[in-house]
Amino acid sequence: MARLTDANVALARQIVARYPRSRSALVPLLHLAQEQDGWLTEDAMQHIAELLGITPAEVLGTASFYEMFKREEVGRYLVNICTDIACHLNGADDLLDHAQQTLGVKAGRTTDDGIITLEDVQCIAACTEAPCLQVNYRYRYKVTSDGLDQLVADLRGGRLAGEIPPHGTLASVRQQIPADRWAGTGPAAQAEVDERFPS
């Protein structure tokens, strides 16, 4: 189980400084921890609670509310197949069955090689492109069984590494906000950050 690295603690300090109250940085810090390890470890959530001056229960409450935060280890690639009504009517159940057979795992499980975790999910807001799926929250539209087979081969062969980063990575470019644009600017906000992160 991993706490945040020194580099990520420094980044966490920058993120917290953007907000008038440190607890407002909870979701961005959860994303940071998940990017570091691919999922949210107990130690990372404890560390976030310490950094923000809140209870571990508050961190867990937020982490468990949002589907995108994983509290168990997942594969390098998380494949979410939508089976909600539009996708269902366009063959998503057959696609999910095919994926389970192709990968050799049921939905909710990870392949033996640790590369792919398969999930059956509800609406992912691409109903006009059904059936659809996401790989690490990057969309694939009107997916066929053959298309799924090619996707799996490409993921396993590393051919999509430049397009789809490992699970937990939100973006390839980190957001930069000038200090004068932070919501938490001013002496009181800076004093809270300095107290929380002594130099």
Protein backbone atom coordinates (compact mmCIF):
# COMPACT_ATOMS: atom_id res chain seq x y z
CA MET A 1 0.00 0.00 0.00
CA ALA A 2 1.43 3.37 -1.00
CA ARG A 3 1.17 6.83 0.44
CA LEU A 4 1.66 9.75 -1.94
CA THR A 5 5.20 10.11 -3.22
CA ASP A 6 7.23 13.19 -2.32
CA ALA A 7 6.64 14.58 -5.82
CA ASN A 8 2.90 14.05 -5.48
CA VAL A 9 2.86 15.66 -2.03
CA ALA A 10 4.43 18.74 -3.61
CA LEU A 11 1.81 18.64 -6.35
CA ALA A 12 -0.93 18.14 -3.73
CA ARG A 13 0.28 21.29 -1.99
CA GLN A 14 -0.09 23.25 -5.24
CA ILE A 15 -3.58 21.82 -5.78
CA VAL A 16 -4.73 22.58 -2.22
CA ALA A 17 -3.49 26.17 -2.55
CA ARG A 18 -6.00 26.79 -5.35
CA TYR A 19 -8.98 26.47 -3.02
CA PRO A 20 -10.28 28.71 -0.23
CA ARG A 21 -10.71 25.62 1.98
CA SER A 22 -8.32 22.71 1.80
CA ARG A 23 -11.09 20.08 1.92
CA SER A 24 -12.26 21.37 -1.47
CA ALA A 25 -9.20 19.69 -2.99
CA LEU A 26 -10.38 16.21 -1.96
CA VAL A 27 -11.55 15.00 -5.40
CA PRO A 28 -8.44 16.30 -7.23
CA LEU A 29 -6.21 14.61 -4.63
CA LEU A 30 -8.12 11.33 -5.04
CA HIS A 31 -7.46 11.56 -8.77
CA LEU A 32 -3.78 12.24 -8.03
CA ALA A 33 -3.53 9.15 -5.80
CA GLN A 34 -5.32 6.99 -8.35
CA GLU A 35 -3.00 8.24 -11.09
CA GLN A 36 -0.02 7.30 -8.93
CA ASP A 37 -1.08 3.70 -8.23
CA GLY A 38 -3.88 2.95 -10.71
CA TRP A 39 -6.33 2.66 -7.80
CA LEU A 40 -6.89 4.17 -4.34
CA THR A 41 -4.88 2.39 -1.69
CA GLU A 42 -5.90 2.59 1.98
CA ASP A 43 -2.57 4.28 2.76
CA ALA A 44 -3.07 6.91 0.05
CA MET A 45 -6.57 7.73 1.35
CA GLN A 46 -5.18 8.00 4.90
CA HIS A 47 -2.42 10.29 3.62
CA ILE A 48 -4.98 12.51 1.82
CA ALA A 49 -6.98 12.79 5.05
CA GLU A 50 -3.83 13.92 6.87
CA LEU A 51 -2.95 16.43 4.14
CA LEU A 52 -6.43 17.95 4.16
CA GLY A 53 -7.03 17.82 7.90
CA ILE A 54 -10.17 15.70 7.54
CA THR A 55 -11.09 12.23 8.74
CA PRO A 56 -10.31 9.07 6.78
CA ALA A 57 -14.08 8.40 6.83
CA GLU A 58 -14.68 11.63 4.88
CA VAL A 59 -12.12 10.57 2.28
CA LEU A 60 -13.64 7.08 2.00
CA GLY A 61 -17.16 8.56 1.81
CA THR A 62 -16.20 10.62 -1.22
CA ALA A 63 -14.10 7.90 -2.84
CA SER A 64 -16.88 5.34 -2.50
CA PHE A 65 -19.53 7.71 -3.89
CA TYR A 66 -17.92 8.12 -7.31
CA GLU A 67 -17.73 5.15 -9.70
CA MET A 68 -14.50 6.34 -11.30
CA PHE A 69 -12.53 5.83 -8.09
CA LYS A 70 -11.42 2.22 -7.69
CA ARG A 71 -10.67 0.95 -4.20
CA GLU A 72 -9.36 -2.39 -5.43
CA GLU A 73 -6.54 -2.98 -7.85
CA VAL A 74 -7.57 -2.99 -11.50
CA GLY A 75 -5.75 -3.86 -14.69
CA ARG A 76 -3.70 -1.43 -16.71
CA TYR A 77 -6.81 -0.99 -18.87
CA LEU A 78 -10.33 -0.76 -17.49
CA VAL A 79 -12.85 -1.71 -20.20
CA ASN A 80 -16.37 -0.49 -19.39
CA ILE A 81 -19.06 -1.92 -21.65
CA CYS A 82 -22.33 -0.02 -21.46
CA THR A 83 -25.43 -2.23 -21.21
CA ASP A 84 -28.03 0.49 -20.60
CA ILE A 85 -31.12 0.71 -22.81
CA ALA A 86 -29.71 2.24 -26.02
CA CYS A 87 -26.66 -0.03 -25.98
CA HIS A 88 -28.77 -3.01 -24.90
CA LEU A 89 -31.10 -2.52 -27.88
CA ASN A 90 -28.06 -2.39 -30.17
CA GLY A 91 -26.40 -5.60 -29.01
CA ALA A 92 -24.43 -4.66 -25.89
CA ASP A 93 -25.39 -7.83 -24.03
CA ASP A 94 -23.95 -9.93 -26.85
CA LEU A 95 -20.87 -7.69 -26.87
CA LEU A 96 -20.42 -8.16 -23.11
CA ASP A 97 -20.82 -11.95 -23.47
CA HIS A 98 -18.25 -11.93 -26.26
CA ALA A 99 -15.85 -9.85 -24.15
CA GLN A 100 -16.20 -12.26 -21.23
CA GLN A 101 -15.44 -15.22 -23.50
CA THR A 102 -12.57 -13.45 -25.25
CA LEU A 103 -10.93 -12.28 -22.02
CA GLY A 104 -11.76 -15.39 -20.00
CA VAL A 105 -13.18 -13.36 -17.11
CA LYS A 106 -16.61 -12.30 -15.92
CA ALA A 107 -17.50 -8.62 -15.65
CA GLY A 108 -15.92 -7.18 -12.50
CA ARG A 109 -12.75 -9.27 -12.86
CA THR A 110 -9.23 -8.79 -14.18
CA THR A 111 -7.45 -11.00 -16.68
CA ASP A 112 -4.72 -13.29 -15.34
CA ASP A 113 -2.05 -11.17 -17.06
CA GLY A 114 -3.28 -8.10 -15.13
CA ILE A 115 -3.74 -6.08 -18.30
CA ILE A 116 -7.53 -5.76 -18.60
CA THR A 117 -10.34 -5.37 -16.08
CA LEU A 118 -13.82 -5.79 -17.56
CA GLU A 119 -16.87 -3.96 -16.20
CA ASP A 120 -20.56 -3.94 -17.10
CA VAL A 121 -21.70 -0.34 -16.62
CA GLN A 122 -24.79 1.76 -17.07
CA CYS A 123 -25.14 4.77 -19.35
CA ILE A 124 -21.84 6.39 -20.36
CA ALA A 125 -23.61 9.19 -22.25
CA ALA A 126 -22.98 8.09 -25.83
CA CYS A 127 -26.41 6.64 -26.64
CA THR A 128 -26.37 7.72 -30.29
CA GLU A 129 -23.18 5.69 -30.80
CA ALA A 130 -24.41 2.42 -29.28
CA PRO A 131 -23.12 -0.04 -28.47
CA CYS A 132 -20.25 1.79 -26.89
CA LEU A 133 -17.54 1.21 -24.35
CA GLN A 134 -14.72 3.04 -22.67
CA VAL A 135 -11.11 2.07 -22.11
CA ASN A 136 -9.77 4.04 -19.15
CA TYR A 137 -12.66 6.45 -19.83
CA ARG A 138 -11.68 6.98 -23.47
CA TYR A 139 -14.65 6.21 -25.74
CA ARG A 140 -15.06 3.60 -28.46
CA TYR A 141 -18.27 3.80 -30.50
CA LYS A 142 -20.48 1.31 -32.36
CA VAL A 143 -18.28 -1.55 -31.22
CA THR A 144 -18.71 -4.94 -32.89
CA SER A 145 -17.36 -8.29 -31.71
CA ASP A 146 -14.61 -8.03 -34.32
CA GLY A 147 -13.87 -4.49 -33.19
CA LEU A 148 -13.61 -5.69 -29.59
CA ASP A 149 -11.22 -8.46 -30.62
CA GLN A 150 -9.02 -5.92 -32.40
CA LEU A 151 -9.15 -3.57 -29.40
CA VAL A 152 -8.08 -6.35 -27.02
CA ALA A 153 -5.24 -7.36 -29.36
CA ASP A 154 -4.10 -3.74 -29.63
CA LEU A 155 -4.22 -3.24 -25.85
CA ARG A 156 -2.29 -6.41 -25.16
CA GLY A 157 0.19 -5.63 -27.94
CA GLY A 158 0.86 -2.11 -26.59
CA ARG A 159 -0.28 -0.50 -29.83
CA LEU A 160 -2.59 1.97 -28.05
CA ALA A 161 -0.15 3.06 -25.35
CA GLY A 162 0.22 6.54 -26.85
CA GLU A 163 -3.54 6.96 -27.11
CA ILE A 164 -4.72 5.34 -23.88
CA PRO A 165 -2.58 5.91 -20.78
CA PRO A 166 -2.61 3.50 -17.81
CA HIS A 167 -5.72 3.46 -15.62
CA GLY A 168 -5.88 6.43 -13.28
CA THR A 169 -4.31 8.92 -15.68
CA LEU A 170 -6.84 11.66 -16.36
CA ALA A 171 -4.98 13.68 -18.94
CA SER A 172 -1.62 13.85 -20.65
CA VAL A 173 -1.24 17.53 -19.74
CA ARG A 174 -1.55 18.66 -16.12
CA GLN A 175 -3.71 21.71 -15.52
CA GLN A 176 -1.75 24.83 -14.63
CA ILE A 177 -3.57 27.75 -13.02
CA PRO A 178 -1.69 30.99 -12.34
CA ALA A 179 -1.60 31.80 -8.61
CA ASP A 180 -3.56 35.01 -9.11
CA ARG A 181 -6.47 32.94 -10.51
CA TRP A 182 -6.71 30.48 -7.59
CA ALA A 183 -10.01 30.51 -5.72
CA GLY A 184 -8.10 30.44 -2.44
CA THR A 185 -5.95 33.53 -2.91
CA GLY A 186 -5.36 35.90 -0.07
CA PRO A 187 -3.57 35.86 3.28
CA ALA A 188 -6.02 33.58 5.12
CA ALA A 189 -5.95 30.92 2.41
CA GLN A 190 -2.16 31.06 2.15
CA ALA A 191 -1.85 30.81 5.93
CA GLU A 192 -3.93 27.62 5.89
CA VAL A 193 -1.76 26.13 3.15
CA ASP A 194 1.45 27.14 4.97
CA GLU A 195 0.14 25.59 8.20
CA ARG A 196 -0.85 22.37 6.46
CA PHE A 197 2.42 22.12 4.48
CA PRO A 198 5.26 23.66 6.49
CA SER A 199 8.35 24.33 4.40
